[in-house]
Amino acid sequence: MRHFIEQLNLLQNRLLEMGGLVESAVHQSVLAVVERSEELARRVLDNEDRINHLEIEIDEMAIRLLALQQPMAGDLRLLTAAIKINTDLERMGDLAVNIAQRTLTLLHLSPVKPLIDIPRMANLVESMVHKSLDAFVKREPDLARGVLVSDDTVDHLRDSIHEELIAFMQSDPTVIPQAVDLILVARHLERIADHATNIAEDTLFLIKGIDVRHHAEPKL
């Protein structure tokens, strides 16, 4: 039993390490867009392998514990949540890479407009990622619920950015390439928020043993 607990703690530590790398990748990818920084974009691309290696390591650890220990109740929920959170984190890392790649394209194009809404959206998304991981670590259901609420705001910001950039393209077709890249950046950020929401939902399942996907948490 002591060995099992040690392995569970190690698994959670690996998840936190991966979460830290993903948080950093998301932050640097958006900063690369705002500051038009090739160095920051390259840094995100260079760190992708570490995130991928951790994903494999975490999956192997969780599956091994499931197979050898046959956990029950809370421990089983923890391992199930860890596997799902691991997948969400890896996908966030991929999306940060996508944003970094968009930066490398945008560097060769003139700016469409001062970036205001995308940094605002990015700040909210980064907060959601941090809070979802914090909720998992601290087993804080209120933090997790806060992430679910923020998801709608991110969706509204994505729609607003999309509409504004469509209007720019209609008035000046020469900005279509860079406007399309910015629309993709906003879409990638919205997908990162979706994965943070998944982590919050899995955390609520871990803590309370209830399925709150689609924000369908029952009133207690």
Protein backbone atom coordinates (compact mmCIF):
# COMPACT_ATOMS: atom_id res chain seq x y z
CA MET A 1 0.00 0.00 0.00
CA ARG A 2 2.82 2.41 0.84
CA HIS A 3 4.42 1.77 -2.56
CA PHE A 4 1.06 2.41 -4.25
CA ILE A 5 0.64 5.75 -2.45
CA GLU A 6 4.18 6.75 -3.41
CA GLN A 7 3.45 5.91 -7.04
CA LEU A 8 0.22 7.95 -6.97
CA ASN A 9 2.15 10.93 -5.57
CA LEU A 10 4.79 10.52 -8.26
CA LEU A 11 2.09 10.40 -10.93
CA GLN A 12 0.53 13.64 -9.66
CA ASN A 13 3.96 15.30 -9.56
CA ARG A 14 4.57 14.32 -13.17
CA LEU A 15 1.19 15.78 -14.12
CA LEU A 16 2.09 19.03 -12.36
CA GLU A 17 5.44 19.13 -14.16
CA MET A 18 3.65 18.68 -17.47
CA GLY A 19 1.06 21.29 -16.49
CA GLY A 20 3.81 23.80 -15.76
CA LEU A 21 5.41 23.19 -19.14
CA VAL A 22 2.06 23.59 -20.90
CA GLU A 23 1.23 26.80 -19.02
CA SER A 24 4.60 28.20 -20.06
CA ALA A 25 4.10 27.11 -23.68
CA VAL A 26 0.71 28.79 -23.89
CA HIS A 27 2.04 32.00 -22.35
CA GLN A 28 5.12 32.14 -24.56
CA SER A 29 3.18 31.33 -27.73
CA VAL A 30 0.79 34.25 -27.22
CA LEU A 31 3.59 36.57 -26.17
CA ALA A 32 5.37 35.61 -29.37
CA VAL A 33 2.32 36.77 -31.36
CA VAL A 34 1.96 40.05 -29.46
CA GLU A 35 5.68 40.90 -29.49
CA ARG A 36 6.31 39.41 -32.93
CA SER A 37 9.11 37.38 -31.41
CA GLU A 38 10.68 34.55 -33.40
CA GLU A 39 12.80 33.59 -30.38
CA LEU A 40 9.75 32.94 -28.19
CA ALA A 41 8.00 31.02 -30.95
CA ARG A 42 11.06 28.80 -31.46
CA ARG A 43 11.25 28.19 -27.72
CA VAL A 44 7.71 26.80 -27.74
CA LEU A 45 8.56 24.51 -30.66
CA ASP A 46 11.74 23.30 -28.94
CA ASN A 47 9.86 22.33 -25.75
CA GLU A 48 7.25 20.22 -27.55
CA ASP A 49 9.28 17.01 -27.26
CA ARG A 50 9.49 17.27 -23.47
CA ILE A 51 5.70 17.54 -23.20
CA ASN A 52 5.23 14.56 -25.53
CA HIS A 53 7.68 12.44 -23.55
CA LEU A 54 5.91 13.27 -20.30
CA GLU A 55 2.55 12.32 -21.83
CA ILE A 56 3.89 8.84 -22.64
CA GLU A 57 5.50 8.46 -19.22
CA ILE A 58 2.32 9.49 -17.36
CA ASP A 59 0.13 7.19 -19.43
CA GLU A 60 2.44 4.26 -18.79
CA MET A 61 2.51 4.95 -15.05
CA ALA A 62 -1.28 5.23 -14.78
CA ILE A 63 -1.98 2.12 -16.85
CA ARG A 64 0.56 0.12 -14.88
CA LEU A 65 -1.05 1.15 -11.58
CA LEU A 66 -4.50 0.27 -12.91
CA ALA A 67 -3.33 -3.16 -14.06
CA LEU A 68 -1.22 -4.13 -11.06
CA GLN A 69 -3.05 -2.50 -8.14
CA GLN A 70 -6.70 -2.76 -9.26
CA PRO A 71 -7.63 0.38 -7.28
CA MET A 72 -11.12 1.09 -6.01
CA ALA A 73 -13.29 4.17 -5.35
CA GLY A 74 -11.28 7.40 -4.97
CA ASP A 75 -7.99 5.92 -6.17
CA LEU A 76 -9.67 4.58 -9.30
CA ARG A 77 -11.21 8.00 -9.99
CA LEU A 78 -7.80 9.62 -9.51
CA LEU A 79 -6.14 7.35 -12.06
CA THR A 80 -8.99 7.79 -14.52
CA ALA A 81 -8.83 11.57 -14.13
CA ALA A 82 -5.03 11.54 -14.48
CA ILE A 83 -5.21 9.73 -17.83
CA LYS A 84 -7.81 12.17 -19.18
CA ILE A 85 -6.02 15.26 -17.82
CA ASN A 86 -2.77 14.00 -19.35
CA THR A 87 -4.42 13.87 -22.77
CA ASP A 88 -5.87 17.37 -22.37
CA LEU A 89 -2.49 18.79 -21.37
CA GLU A 90 -0.75 17.23 -24.36
CA ARG A 91 -3.36 18.70 -26.69
CA MET A 92 -2.92 22.13 -25.09
CA GLY A 93 0.78 21.80 -25.82
CA ASP A 94 0.00 21.02 -29.46
CA LEU A 95 -2.25 24.08 -29.68
CA ALA A 96 0.48 26.28 -28.22
CA VAL A 97 2.77 24.93 -30.96
CA ASN A 98 0.12 25.83 -33.54
CA ILE A 99 0.02 29.40 -32.20
CA ALA A 100 3.83 29.59 -32.34
CA GLN A 101 3.75 28.42 -35.96
CA ARG A 102 1.21 31.13 -36.79
CA THR A 103 3.67 33.64 -35.26
CA LEU A 104 6.42 32.57 -37.62
CA THR A 105 4.08 33.28 -40.53
CA LEU A 106 2.87 36.61 -39.14
CA LEU A 107 6.45 37.85 -38.75
CA HIS A 108 6.64 38.21 -42.54
CA LEU A 109 3.37 40.15 -42.82
CA SER A 110 2.43 43.67 -41.80
CA PRO A 111 0.20 43.92 -38.69
CA VAL A 112 -3.56 44.15 -39.32
CA LYS A 113 -4.26 46.21 -36.20
CA PRO A 114 -3.03 46.67 -32.63
CA LEU A 115 -3.67 43.45 -30.74
CA ILE A 116 -6.05 44.07 -27.84
CA ASP A 117 -8.69 41.35 -27.77
CA ILE A 118 -6.30 38.44 -28.38
CA PRO A 119 -4.09 39.31 -25.35
CA ARG A 120 -7.26 39.78 -23.28
CA MET A 121 -8.55 36.40 -24.41
CA ALA A 122 -5.14 34.84 -23.78
CA ASN A 123 -5.01 36.18 -20.22
CA LEU A 124 -8.37 34.60 -19.46
CA VAL A 125 -7.38 31.30 -21.07
CA GLU A 126 -4.10 31.20 -19.14
CA SER A 127 -6.03 31.85 -15.93
CA MET A 128 -8.39 28.98 -16.75
CA VAL A 129 -5.47 26.60 -17.33
CA HIS A 130 -3.83 27.62 -14.05
CA LYS A 131 -7.06 27.40 -12.04
CA SER A 132 -7.99 24.02 -13.48
CA LEU A 133 -4.63 22.57 -12.45
CA ASP A 134 -4.78 24.31 -9.07
CA ALA A 135 -8.25 22.86 -8.49
CA PHE A 136 -6.91 19.39 -9.27
CA VAL A 137 -3.94 19.73 -6.91
CA LYS A 138 -5.89 21.30 -4.03
CA ARG A 139 -9.11 19.34 -4.64
CA GLU A 140 -11.00 22.66 -4.72
CA PRO A 141 -14.44 22.29 -6.36
CA ASP A 142 -15.14 26.05 -6.35
CA LEU A 143 -11.99 26.72 -8.40
CA ALA A 144 -13.07 24.07 -10.87
CA ARG A 145 -16.56 25.56 -11.16
CA GLY A 146 -15.02 28.98 -11.83
CA VAL A 147 -13.24 27.53 -14.85
CA LEU A 148 -16.55 26.23 -16.23
CA VAL A 149 -18.10 29.69 -15.94
CA SER A 150 -15.16 31.35 -17.76
CA ASP A 151 -15.54 29.12 -20.79
CA ASP A 152 -18.56 31.07 -22.08
CA THR A 153 -16.64 34.36 -21.86
CA VAL A 154 -13.83 32.89 -23.96
CA ASP A 155 -16.35 31.78 -26.58
CA HIS A 156 -17.78 35.31 -26.77
CA LEU A 157 -14.30 36.81 -27.18
CA ARG A 158 -13.50 34.35 -29.96
CA ASP A 159 -16.68 35.34 -31.80
CA SER A 160 -15.93 39.04 -31.37
CA ILE A 161 -12.38 38.64 -32.71
CA HIS A 162 -13.64 36.60 -35.63
CA GLU A 163 -16.28 39.19 -36.59
CA GLU A 164 -13.84 42.09 -36.36
CA LEU A 165 -11.22 40.37 -38.52
CA ILE A 166 -13.82 39.36 -41.10
CA ALA A 167 -14.78 43.04 -41.34
CA PHE A 168 -11.12 44.00 -41.87
CA MET A 169 -10.78 41.44 -44.67
CA GLN A 170 -13.92 42.69 -46.38
CA SER A 171 -12.71 46.30 -46.30
CA ASP A 172 -9.10 45.51 -47.27
CA PRO A 173 -8.42 42.17 -49.03
CA THR A 174 -4.65 42.69 -48.74
CA VAL A 175 -4.83 41.82 -45.03
CA ILE A 176 -6.54 38.46 -45.59
CA PRO A 177 -3.44 36.26 -44.92
CA GLN A 178 -2.57 37.83 -41.56
CA ALA A 179 -6.25 38.14 -40.54
CA VAL A 180 -6.76 34.44 -41.20
CA ASP A 181 -3.73 33.62 -39.04
CA LEU A 182 -5.13 35.74 -36.19
CA ILE A 183 -8.51 34.02 -36.50
CA LEU A 184 -6.68 30.70 -36.14
CA VAL A 185 -4.81 32.00 -33.07
CA ALA A 186 -8.15 32.89 -31.45
CA ARG A 187 -9.54 29.48 -32.38
CA HIS A 188 -6.52 27.72 -30.86
CA LEU A 189 -6.94 29.73 -27.66
CA GLU A 190 -10.61 28.77 -27.50
CA ARG A 191 -9.66 25.10 -27.85
CA ILE A 192 -7.11 25.45 -25.02
CA ALA A 193 -9.92 26.85 -22.88
CA ASP A 194 -12.05 23.83 -23.79
CA HIS A 195 -9.30 21.50 -22.56
CA ALA A 196 -8.96 23.51 -19.33
CA THR A 197 -12.72 23.06 -18.91
CA ASN A 198 -12.29 19.31 -19.39
CA ILE A 199 -9.70 19.27 -16.61
CA ALA A 200 -12.07 21.19 -14.32
CA GLU A 201 -14.86 18.72 -15.09
CA ASP A 202 -12.58 15.76 -14.38
CA THR A 203 -11.51 17.41 -11.13
CA LEU A 204 -15.14 17.74 -10.02
CA PHE A 205 -15.65 14.07 -10.89
CA LEU A 206 -12.58 13.19 -8.83
CA ILE A 207 -13.70 15.22 -5.81
CA LYS A 208 -17.45 14.61 -5.85
CA GLY A 209 -17.89 11.50 -7.97
CA ILE A 210 -20.39 13.22 -10.28
CA ASP A 211 -20.32 13.83 -14.03
CA VAL A 212 -20.60 17.57 -14.79
CA ARG A 213 -19.84 17.50 -18.49
CA HIS A 214 -21.82 20.12 -20.43
CA HIS A 215 -22.10 22.05 -17.12
CA ALA A 216 -24.79 19.63 -15.94
CA GLU A 217 -23.86 19.55 -12.26
CA PRO A 218 -26.91 18.78 -10.13
CA LYS A 219 -27.92 21.16 -7.36
CA LEU A 220 -26.83 19.71 -4.04
